[in-house]
Amino acid sequence: MTAAFTDTDDLAVLAADAGRALEGASAEEIVRWAADTFGPRFCVTSSFADGVLAHLVSRVAPGTDVVFLDTGLHFPETLRVRDQVAGSMPLRVRSIRPRLTVGQQDGLYGPRLFSREPDGCCALRKVEPLERALADYDAWAAGLRRDESPSRANTAVVHFEATRGKVKVNPLAAWSQADVDAYISRYDVPVNPLLSQGYGSIGCWPCTRRVKAGEDPRAGRWPMFDKTECGLHT
């Protein structure tokens, strides 16, 4: 079993070296490096807009943990994709819930916190649960792509998150939407049906709307606020 890294300086150097060496590598090669380097101390996160990253990891490193942040405010379609992945791929899907139910949060902070203070709601229902889940790992992967939005244009394939003391792996960073579509078609990967109903990016239902043709895919997230990220990706 791979031991936990105890020195964050070592992790930072490791991530910097890997980020340079793996730029231009295939997504499979990036995942293989992470799985070989960290073993069970490596996990994948997924919002289950589709099962692409989970499927790719299941091919390269079966048995890897997949962390899903079950906010209590997801579309039913999203939960169905999660369940499809959990039931069809050799992975362990971990649904991580906030410390407070939606009702308990309403009681403490008032109803519909997401409509008044979306950053506070995201902190309670996404960021804190992720921090808690990542305590078991030294490295984690996400499905970020450079073509998704201007804020993600410089996404590294591997980098060190000083705030968390973790290595962040983005195997799909260089992929285009055409690459994603081709992978889905080749492997018949589960896809959230909302993506074909005008949604460019899918989060919690109160803070997600359809996007217009030509809009940034993430324009439908928190549309009433100057906000396009939930705080998970530092």
C-alpha atoms as a PDB file:
ATOM      1  CA  MET A   1       0.000   0.000   0.000  1.00  0.00           C
ATOM      2  CA  THR A   2       1.300   3.466  -0.888  1.00  0.00           C
ATOM      3  CA  ALA A   3       2.211   5.510   2.190  1.00  0.00           C
ATOM      4  CA  ALA A   4       0.898   9.007   2.712  1.00  0.00           C
ATOM      5  CA  PHE A   5       3.215  11.869   1.833  1.00  0.00           C
ATOM      6  CA  THR A   6       4.132  13.743   4.999  1.00  0.00           C
ATOM      7  CA  ASP A   7       6.128  16.622   3.507  1.00  0.00           C
ATOM      8  CA  THR A   8       4.148  19.146   1.460  1.00  0.00           C
ATOM      9  CA  ASP A   9       7.382  20.529   0.020  1.00  0.00           C
ATOM     10  CA  ASP A  10       8.025  17.118  -1.521  1.00  0.00           C
ATOM     11  CA  LEU A  11       4.513  17.129  -2.965  1.00  0.00           C
ATOM     12  CA  ALA A  12       4.989  20.595  -4.404  1.00  0.00           C
ATOM     13  CA  VAL A  13       8.215  19.588  -6.171  1.00  0.00           C
ATOM     14  CA  LEU A  14       6.663  16.338  -7.377  1.00  0.00           C
ATOM     15  CA  ALA A  15       3.654  18.190  -8.818  1.00  0.00           C
ATOM     16  CA  ALA A  16       5.766  20.837 -10.532  1.00  0.00           C
ATOM     17  CA  ASP A  17       7.964  18.202 -12.174  1.00  0.00           C
ATOM     18  CA  ALA A  18       4.956  16.147 -13.258  1.00  0.00           C
ATOM     19  CA  GLY A  19       3.140  19.191 -14.599  1.00  0.00           C
ATOM     20  CA  ARG A  20       6.054  19.888 -16.933  1.00  0.00           C
ATOM     21  CA  ALA A  21       6.681  16.263 -17.887  1.00  0.00           C
ATOM     22  CA  LEU A  22       3.047  15.388 -18.545  1.00  0.00           C
ATOM     23  CA  GLU A  23       2.036  18.460 -20.530  1.00  0.00           C
ATOM     24  CA  GLY A  24       1.044  16.989 -23.887  1.00  0.00           C
ATOM     25  CA  ALA A  25       0.588  13.474 -22.497  1.00  0.00           C
ATOM     26  CA  SER A  26      -2.644  11.591 -23.011  1.00  0.00           C
ATOM     27  CA  ALA A  27      -5.326  11.650 -20.336  1.00  0.00           C
ATOM     28  CA  GLU A  28      -4.673   7.954 -19.747  1.00  0.00           C
ATOM     29  CA  GLU A  29      -0.964   8.589 -19.164  1.00  0.00           C
ATOM     30  CA  ILE A  30      -1.745  11.359 -16.674  1.00  0.00           C
ATOM     31  CA  VAL A  31      -4.109   9.117 -14.730  1.00  0.00           C
ATOM     32  CA  ARG A  32      -1.611   6.262 -14.792  1.00  0.00           C
ATOM     33  CA  TRP A  33       1.068   8.530 -13.311  1.00  0.00           C
ATOM     34  CA  ALA A  34      -1.279   9.608 -10.504  1.00  0.00           C
ATOM     35  CA  ALA A  35      -2.461   6.078  -9.740  1.00  0.00           C
ATOM     36  CA  ASP A  36       1.087   4.685  -9.751  1.00  0.00           C
ATOM     37  CA  THR A  37       2.435   7.532  -7.638  1.00  0.00           C
ATOM     38  CA  PHE A  38      -0.297   7.756  -5.006  1.00  0.00           C
ATOM     39  CA  GLY A  39      -2.127   4.415  -5.086  1.00  0.00           C
ATOM     40  CA  PRO A  40      -5.163   4.498  -2.758  1.00  0.00           C
ATOM     41  CA  ARG A  41      -4.161   8.031  -1.706  1.00  0.00           C
ATOM     42  CA  PHE A  42      -5.466   9.204  -5.118  1.00  0.00           C
ATOM     43  CA  CYS A  43      -9.142   9.854  -5.830  1.00  0.00           C
ATOM     44  CA  VAL A  44     -11.295  11.322  -8.557  1.00  0.00           C
ATOM     45  CA  THR A  45     -14.076  13.862  -8.121  1.00  0.00           C
ATOM     46  CA  SER A  46     -17.076  14.123 -10.404  1.00  0.00           C
ATOM     47  CA  SER A  47     -20.150  16.324 -10.676  1.00  0.00           C
ATOM     48  CA  PHE A  48     -21.664  13.693 -12.989  1.00  0.00           C
ATOM     49  CA  ALA A  49     -22.546  15.976 -15.831  1.00  0.00           C
ATOM     50  CA  ASP A  50     -21.210  12.897 -17.575  1.00  0.00           C
ATOM     51  CA  GLY A  51     -19.235   9.798 -16.656  1.00  0.00           C
ATOM     52  CA  VAL A  52     -16.243  10.488 -18.916  1.00  0.00           C
ATOM     53  CA  LEU A  53     -13.509  11.008 -16.312  1.00  0.00           C
ATOM     54  CA  ALA A  54     -14.836   8.213 -14.124  1.00  0.00           C
ATOM     55  CA  HIS A  55     -14.913   5.823 -17.087  1.00  0.00           C
ATOM     56  CA  LEU A  56     -11.414   6.761 -18.204  1.00  0.00           C
ATOM     57  CA  VAL A  57     -10.052   6.203 -14.695  1.00  0.00           C
ATOM     58  CA  SER A  58     -11.905   2.886 -14.415  1.00  0.00           C
ATOM     59  CA  ARG A  59     -10.037   1.676 -17.500  1.00  0.00           C
ATOM     60  CA  VAL A  60      -6.617   2.783 -16.286  1.00  0.00           C
ATOM     61  CA  ALA A  61      -6.911   2.281 -12.527  1.00  0.00           C
ATOM     62  CA  PRO A  62      -9.957   0.181 -11.604  1.00  0.00           C
ATOM     63  CA  GLY A  63     -10.954   0.385  -7.961  1.00  0.00           C
ATOM     64  CA  THR A  64     -10.149   4.100  -7.638  1.00  0.00           C
ATOM     65  CA  ASP A  65     -12.408   6.118  -5.335  1.00  0.00           C
ATOM     66  CA  VAL A  66     -14.762   8.644  -6.950  1.00  0.00           C
ATOM     67  CA  VAL A  67     -15.934  11.458  -4.677  1.00  0.00           C
ATOM     68  CA  PHE A  68     -19.337  13.004  -5.372  1.00  0.00           C
ATOM     69  CA  LEU A  69     -20.547  15.982  -3.332  1.00  0.00           C
ATOM     70  CA  ASP A  70     -24.187  15.204  -2.646  1.00  0.00           C
ATOM     71  CA  THR A  71     -25.388  18.703  -1.769  1.00  0.00           C
ATOM     72  CA  GLY A  72     -29.031  17.728  -1.339  1.00  0.00           C
ATOM     73  CA  LEU A  73     -29.872  20.176  -4.142  1.00  0.00           C
ATOM     74  CA  HIS A  74     -28.914  18.207  -7.236  1.00  0.00           C
ATOM     75  CA  PHE A  75     -31.172  17.576 -10.206  1.00  0.00           C
ATOM     76  CA  PRO A  76     -32.594  14.025 -10.218  1.00  0.00           C
ATOM     77  CA  GLU A  77     -30.874  13.527 -13.577  1.00  0.00           C
ATOM     78  CA  THR A  78     -27.492  14.104 -11.952  1.00  0.00           C
ATOM     79  CA  LEU A  79     -28.153  11.495  -9.284  1.00  0.00           C
ATOM     80  CA  ARG A  80     -29.166   9.002 -11.958  1.00  0.00           C
ATOM     81  CA  VAL A  81     -25.834   9.454 -13.757  1.00  0.00           C
ATOM     82  CA  ARG A  82     -24.039   8.910 -10.435  1.00  0.00           C
ATOM     83  CA  ASP A  83     -25.982   5.702  -9.872  1.00  0.00           C
ATOM     84  CA  GLN A  84     -25.321   4.506 -13.432  1.00  0.00           C
ATOM     85  CA  VAL A  85     -21.591   4.993 -12.979  1.00  0.00           C
ATOM     86  CA  ALA A  86     -21.597   3.312  -9.563  1.00  0.00           C
ATOM     87  CA  GLY A  87     -23.507   0.340 -10.955  1.00  0.00           C
ATOM     88  CA  SER A  88     -21.562  -0.171 -14.176  1.00  0.00           C
ATOM     89  CA  MET A  89     -17.905   0.723 -13.580  1.00  0.00           C
ATOM     90  CA  PRO A  90     -15.238  -0.877 -11.345  1.00  0.00           C
ATOM     91  CA  LEU A  91     -14.962   2.165  -9.075  1.00  0.00           C
ATOM     92  CA  ARG A  92     -16.011   3.045  -5.516  1.00  0.00           C
ATOM     93  CA  VAL A  93     -18.357   6.020  -5.640  1.00  0.00           C
ATOM     94  CA  ARG A  94     -18.408   7.916  -2.332  1.00  0.00           C
ATOM     95  CA  SER A  95     -21.325  10.323  -1.906  1.00  0.00           C
ATOM     96  CA  ILE A  96     -20.227  12.961   0.592  1.00  0.00           C
ATOM     97  CA  ARG A  97     -22.990  14.969   2.249  1.00  0.00           C
ATOM     98  CA  PRO A  98     -22.814  18.325   4.054  1.00  0.00           C
ATOM     99  CA  ARG A  99     -22.904  18.347   7.841  1.00  0.00           C
ATOM    100  CA  LEU A 100     -26.299  20.077   7.691  1.00  0.00           C
ATOM    101  CA  THR A 101     -29.367  18.920   5.789  1.00  0.00           C
ATOM    102  CA  VAL A 102     -31.026  21.571   3.631  1.00  0.00           C
ATOM    103  CA  GLY A 103     -33.694  21.941   6.323  1.00  0.00           C
ATOM    104  CA  GLN A 104     -31.139  22.370   9.090  1.00  0.00           C
ATOM    105  CA  GLN A 105     -29.286  24.963   7.021  1.00  0.00           C
ATOM    106  CA  ASP A 106     -32.548  26.852   6.474  1.00  0.00           C
ATOM    107  CA  GLY A 107     -33.147  26.838  10.216  1.00  0.00           C
ATOM    108  CA  LEU A 108     -29.710  28.247  11.025  1.00  0.00           C
ATOM    109  CA  TYR A 109     -29.158  30.660   8.141  1.00  0.00           C
ATOM    110  CA  GLY A 110     -32.676  31.320   6.842  1.00  0.00           C
ATOM    111  CA  PRO A 111     -34.430  29.830   3.806  1.00  0.00           C
ATOM    112  CA  ARG A 112     -32.831  29.913   0.372  1.00  0.00           C
ATOM    113  CA  LEU A 113     -29.340  30.901   1.419  1.00  0.00           C
ATOM    114  CA  PHE A 114     -28.288  30.143  -2.162  1.00  0.00           C
ATOM    115  CA  SER A 115     -30.399  33.077  -3.410  1.00  0.00           C
ATOM    116  CA  ARG A 116     -28.875  35.538  -0.920  1.00  0.00           C
ATOM    117  CA  GLU A 117     -25.331  34.392  -0.232  1.00  0.00           C
ATOM    118  CA  PRO A 118     -24.363  31.766  -2.826  1.00  0.00           C
ATOM    119  CA  ASP A 119     -20.734  31.739  -1.686  1.00  0.00           C
ATOM    120  CA  GLY A 120     -21.873  30.874   1.825  1.00  0.00           C
ATOM    121  CA  CYS A 121     -24.138  28.122   0.552  1.00  0.00           C
ATOM    122  CA  CYS A 122     -21.353  26.663  -1.606  1.00  0.00           C
ATOM    123  CA  ALA A 123     -18.979  26.790   1.357  1.00  0.00           C
ATOM    124  CA  LEU A 124     -21.384  24.776   3.494  1.00  0.00           C
ATOM    125  CA  ARG A 125     -22.630  22.316   0.909  1.00  0.00           C
ATOM    126  CA  LYS A 126     -19.575  21.835  -1.343  1.00  0.00           C
ATOM    127  CA  VAL A 127     -16.290  23.229  -0.067  1.00  0.00           C
ATOM    128  CA  GLU A 128     -16.406  21.915   3.510  1.00  0.00           C
ATOM    129  CA  PRO A 129     -17.543  18.421   2.418  1.00  0.00           C
ATOM    130  CA  LEU A 130     -14.731  18.283  -0.152  1.00  0.00           C
ATOM    131  CA  GLU A 131     -12.120  19.314   2.418  1.00  0.00           C
ATOM    132  CA  ARG A 132     -13.401  16.574   4.707  1.00  0.00           C
ATOM    133  CA  ALA A 133     -13.364  13.966   1.926  1.00  0.00           C
ATOM    134  CA  LEU A 134      -9.868  14.878   0.733  1.00  0.00           C
ATOM    135  CA  ALA A 135      -8.378  14.254   4.168  1.00  0.00           C
ATOM    136  CA  ASP A 136      -7.975  10.626   3.064  1.00  0.00           C
ATOM    137  CA  TYR A 137      -5.917  11.470  -0.043  1.00  0.00           C
ATOM    138  CA  ASP A 138      -2.709  13.152  -1.176  1.00  0.00           C
ATOM    139  CA  ALA A 139      -3.896  13.762  -4.743  1.00  0.00           C
ATOM    140  CA  TRP A 140      -7.234  14.220  -6.476  1.00  0.00           C
ATOM    141  CA  ALA A 141      -8.410  14.515 -10.049  1.00  0.00           C
ATOM    142  CA  ALA A 142     -11.119  16.682 -11.549  1.00  0.00           C
ATOM    143  CA  GLY A 143     -12.587  16.981 -15.031  1.00  0.00           C
ATOM    144  CA  LEU A 144     -11.624  20.616 -15.650  1.00  0.00           C
ATOM    145  CA  ARG A 145     -10.975  21.604 -19.267  1.00  0.00           C
ATOM    146  CA  ARG A 146      -9.248  24.703 -20.593  1.00  0.00           C
ATOM    147  CA  ASP A 147     -11.957  25.322 -23.184  1.00  0.00           C
ATOM    148  CA  GLU A 148     -14.779  25.515 -20.620  1.00  0.00           C
ATOM    149  CA  SER A 149     -14.336  29.158 -19.639  1.00  0.00           C
ATOM    150  CA  PRO A 150     -11.727  31.956 -19.542  1.00  0.00           C
ATOM    151  CA  SER A 151     -11.147  31.274 -15.839  1.00  0.00           C
ATOM    152  CA  ARG A 152     -10.002  27.737 -16.706  1.00  0.00           C
ATOM    153  CA  ALA A 153      -7.889  28.569 -19.749  1.00  0.00           C
ATOM    154  CA  ASN A 154      -4.594  28.060 -17.916  1.00  0.00           C
ATOM    155  CA  THR A 155      -5.512  24.844 -16.128  1.00  0.00           C
ATOM    156  CA  ALA A 156      -2.420  22.720 -15.539  1.00  0.00           C
ATOM    157  CA  VAL A 157      -2.497  18.965 -16.042  1.00  0.00           C
ATOM    158  CA  VAL A 158      -0.826  18.593 -12.622  1.00  0.00           C
ATOM    159  CA  HIS A 159      -0.196  21.249  -9.987  1.00  0.00           C
ATOM    160  CA  PHE A 160       0.147  21.663  -6.237  1.00  0.00           C
ATOM    161  CA  GLU A 161      -2.603  23.295  -4.188  1.00  0.00           C
ATOM    162  CA  ALA A 162      -0.793  25.086  -1.382  1.00  0.00           C
ATOM    163  CA  THR A 163      -4.049  25.913   0.406  1.00  0.00           C
ATOM    164  CA  ARG A 164      -4.959  22.224   0.704  1.00  0.00           C
ATOM    165  CA  GLY A 165      -1.507  20.667   0.627  1.00  0.00           C
ATOM    166  CA  LYS A 166      -2.725  18.342  -2.154  1.00  0.00           C
ATOM    167  CA  VAL A 167      -1.696  17.513  -5.703  1.00  0.00           C
ATOM    168  CA  LYS A 168      -4.418  18.396  -8.206  1.00  0.00           C
ATOM    169  CA  VAL A 169      -4.619  16.366 -11.412  1.00  0.00           C
ATOM    170  CA  ASN A 170      -6.615  17.498 -14.453  1.00  0.00           C
ATOM    171  CA  PRO A 171      -6.314  14.694 -17.029  1.00  0.00           C
ATOM    172  CA  LEU A 172      -8.824  16.283 -19.436  1.00  0.00           C
ATOM    173  CA  ALA A 173      -7.335  19.795 -19.308  1.00  0.00           C
ATOM    174  CA  ALA A 174      -6.334  19.821 -22.993  1.00  0.00           C
ATOM    175  CA  TRP A 175      -9.498  18.129 -24.266  1.00  0.00           C
ATOM    176  CA  SER A 176     -12.037  19.924 -26.424  1.00  0.00           C
ATOM    177  CA  GLN A 177     -15.767  19.354 -26.395  1.00  0.00           C
ATOM    178  CA  ALA A 178     -15.270  17.324 -29.571  1.00  0.00           C
ATOM    179  CA  ASP A 179     -12.850  15.057 -27.685  1.00  0.00           C
ATOM    180  CA  VAL A 180     -15.420  14.563 -24.934  1.00  0.00           C
ATOM    181  CA  ASP A 181     -18.174  13.810 -27.442  1.00  0.00           C
ATOM    182  CA  ALA A 182     -15.980  11.305 -29.288  1.00  0.00           C
ATOM    183  CA  TYR A 183     -15.123   9.508 -26.034  1.00  0.00           C
ATOM    184  CA  ILE A 184     -18.790   9.342 -25.024  1.00  0.00           C
ATOM    185  CA  SER A 185     -19.710   7.904 -28.416  1.00  0.00           C
ATOM    186  CA  ARG A 186     -16.872   5.364 -28.440  1.00  0.00           C
ATOM    187  CA  TYR A 187     -17.567   3.956 -24.980  1.00  0.00           C
ATOM    188  CA  ASP A 188     -21.292   4.700 -24.602  1.00  0.00           C
ATOM    189  CA  VAL A 189     -20.609   6.694 -21.434  1.00  0.00           C
ATOM    190  CA  PRO A 190     -23.573   7.899 -19.331  1.00  0.00           C
ATOM    191  CA  VAL A 191     -24.408  11.571 -19.918  1.00  0.00           C
ATOM    192  CA  ASN A 192     -26.669  13.880 -17.977  1.00  0.00           C
ATOM    193  CA  PRO A 193     -29.671  14.459 -20.279  1.00  0.00           C
ATOM    194  CA  LEU A 194     -29.866  18.098 -19.175  1.00  0.00           C
ATOM    195  CA  LEU A 195     -26.846  18.805 -21.398  1.00  0.00           C
ATOM    196  CA  SER A 196     -29.048  18.182 -24.441  1.00  0.00           C
ATOM    197  CA  GLN A 197     -31.784  20.409 -23.011  1.00  0.00           C
ATOM    198  CA  GLY A 198     -29.895  23.700 -23.095  1.00  0.00           C
ATOM    199  CA  TYR A 199     -27.754  23.442 -19.982  1.00  0.00           C
ATOM    200  CA  GLY A 200     -24.072  24.148 -20.623  1.00  0.00           C
ATOM    201  CA  SER A 201     -22.884  23.314 -17.106  1.00  0.00           C
ATOM    202  CA  ILE A 202     -24.830  21.526 -14.393  1.00  0.00           C
ATOM    203  CA  GLY A 203     -24.724  22.254 -10.692  1.00  0.00           C
ATOM    204  CA  CYS A 204     -27.377  22.510  -8.003  1.00  0.00           C
ATOM    205  CA  TRP A 205     -30.847  23.113  -9.418  1.00  0.00           C
ATOM    206  CA  PRO A 206     -31.547  26.479  -7.693  1.00  0.00           C
ATOM    207  CA  CYS A 207     -28.370  28.029  -9.147  1.00  0.00           C
ATOM    208  CA  THR A 208     -28.379  26.592 -12.681  1.00  0.00           C
ATOM    209  CA  ARG A 209     -30.225  27.769 -15.766  1.00  0.00           C
ATOM    210  CA  ARG A 210     -30.112  27.052 -19.466  1.00  0.00           C
ATOM    211  CA  VAL A 211     -27.661  29.036 -21.595  1.00  0.00           C
ATOM    212  CA  LYS A 212     -28.263  30.823 -24.866  1.00  0.00           C
ATOM    213  CA  ALA A 213     -26.516  29.926 -28.103  1.00  0.00           C
ATOM    214  CA  GLY A 214     -22.998  31.349 -28.108  1.00  0.00           C
ATOM    215  CA  GLU A 215     -22.879  31.937 -24.359  1.00  0.00           C
ATOM    216  CA  ASP A 216     -20.068  30.733 -22.133  1.00  0.00           C
ATOM    217  CA  PRO A 217     -21.219  27.251 -21.004  1.00  0.00           C
ATOM    218  CA  ARG A 218     -20.830  28.351 -17.379  1.00  0.00           C
ATOM    219  CA  ALA A 219     -22.981  31.454 -17.846  1.00  0.00           C
ATOM    220  CA  GLY A 220     -25.902  29.450 -16.532  1.00  0.00           C
ATOM    221  CA  ARG A 221     -24.289  28.965 -13.132  1.00  0.00           C
ATOM    222  CA  TRP A 222     -25.349  31.497 -10.457  1.00  0.00           C
ATOM    223  CA  PRO A 223     -26.853  33.696 -13.213  1.00  0.00           C
ATOM    224  CA  MET A 224     -27.989  36.445 -10.834  1.00  0.00           C
ATOM    225  CA  PHE A 225     -24.522  36.889  -9.354  1.00  0.00           C
ATOM    226  CA  ASP A 226     -20.997  37.757 -10.451  1.00  0.00           C
ATOM    227  CA  LYS A 227     -19.928  34.193  -9.794  1.00  0.00           C
ATOM    228  CA  THR A 228     -18.870  31.334 -12.052  1.00  0.00           C
ATOM    229  CA  GLU A 229     -17.020  29.039  -9.608  1.00  0.00           C
ATOM    230  CA  CYS A 230     -18.148  27.387  -6.394  1.00  0.00           C
ATOM    231  CA  GLY A 231     -14.784  27.555  -4.628  1.00  0.00           C
ATOM    232  CA  LEU A 232     -13.754  23.935  -5.087  1.00  0.00           C
ATOM    233  CA  HIS A 233     -11.048  24.633  -7.644  1.00  0.00           C
ATOM    234  CA  THR A 234      -8.216  26.750  -6.270  1.00  0.00           C
END
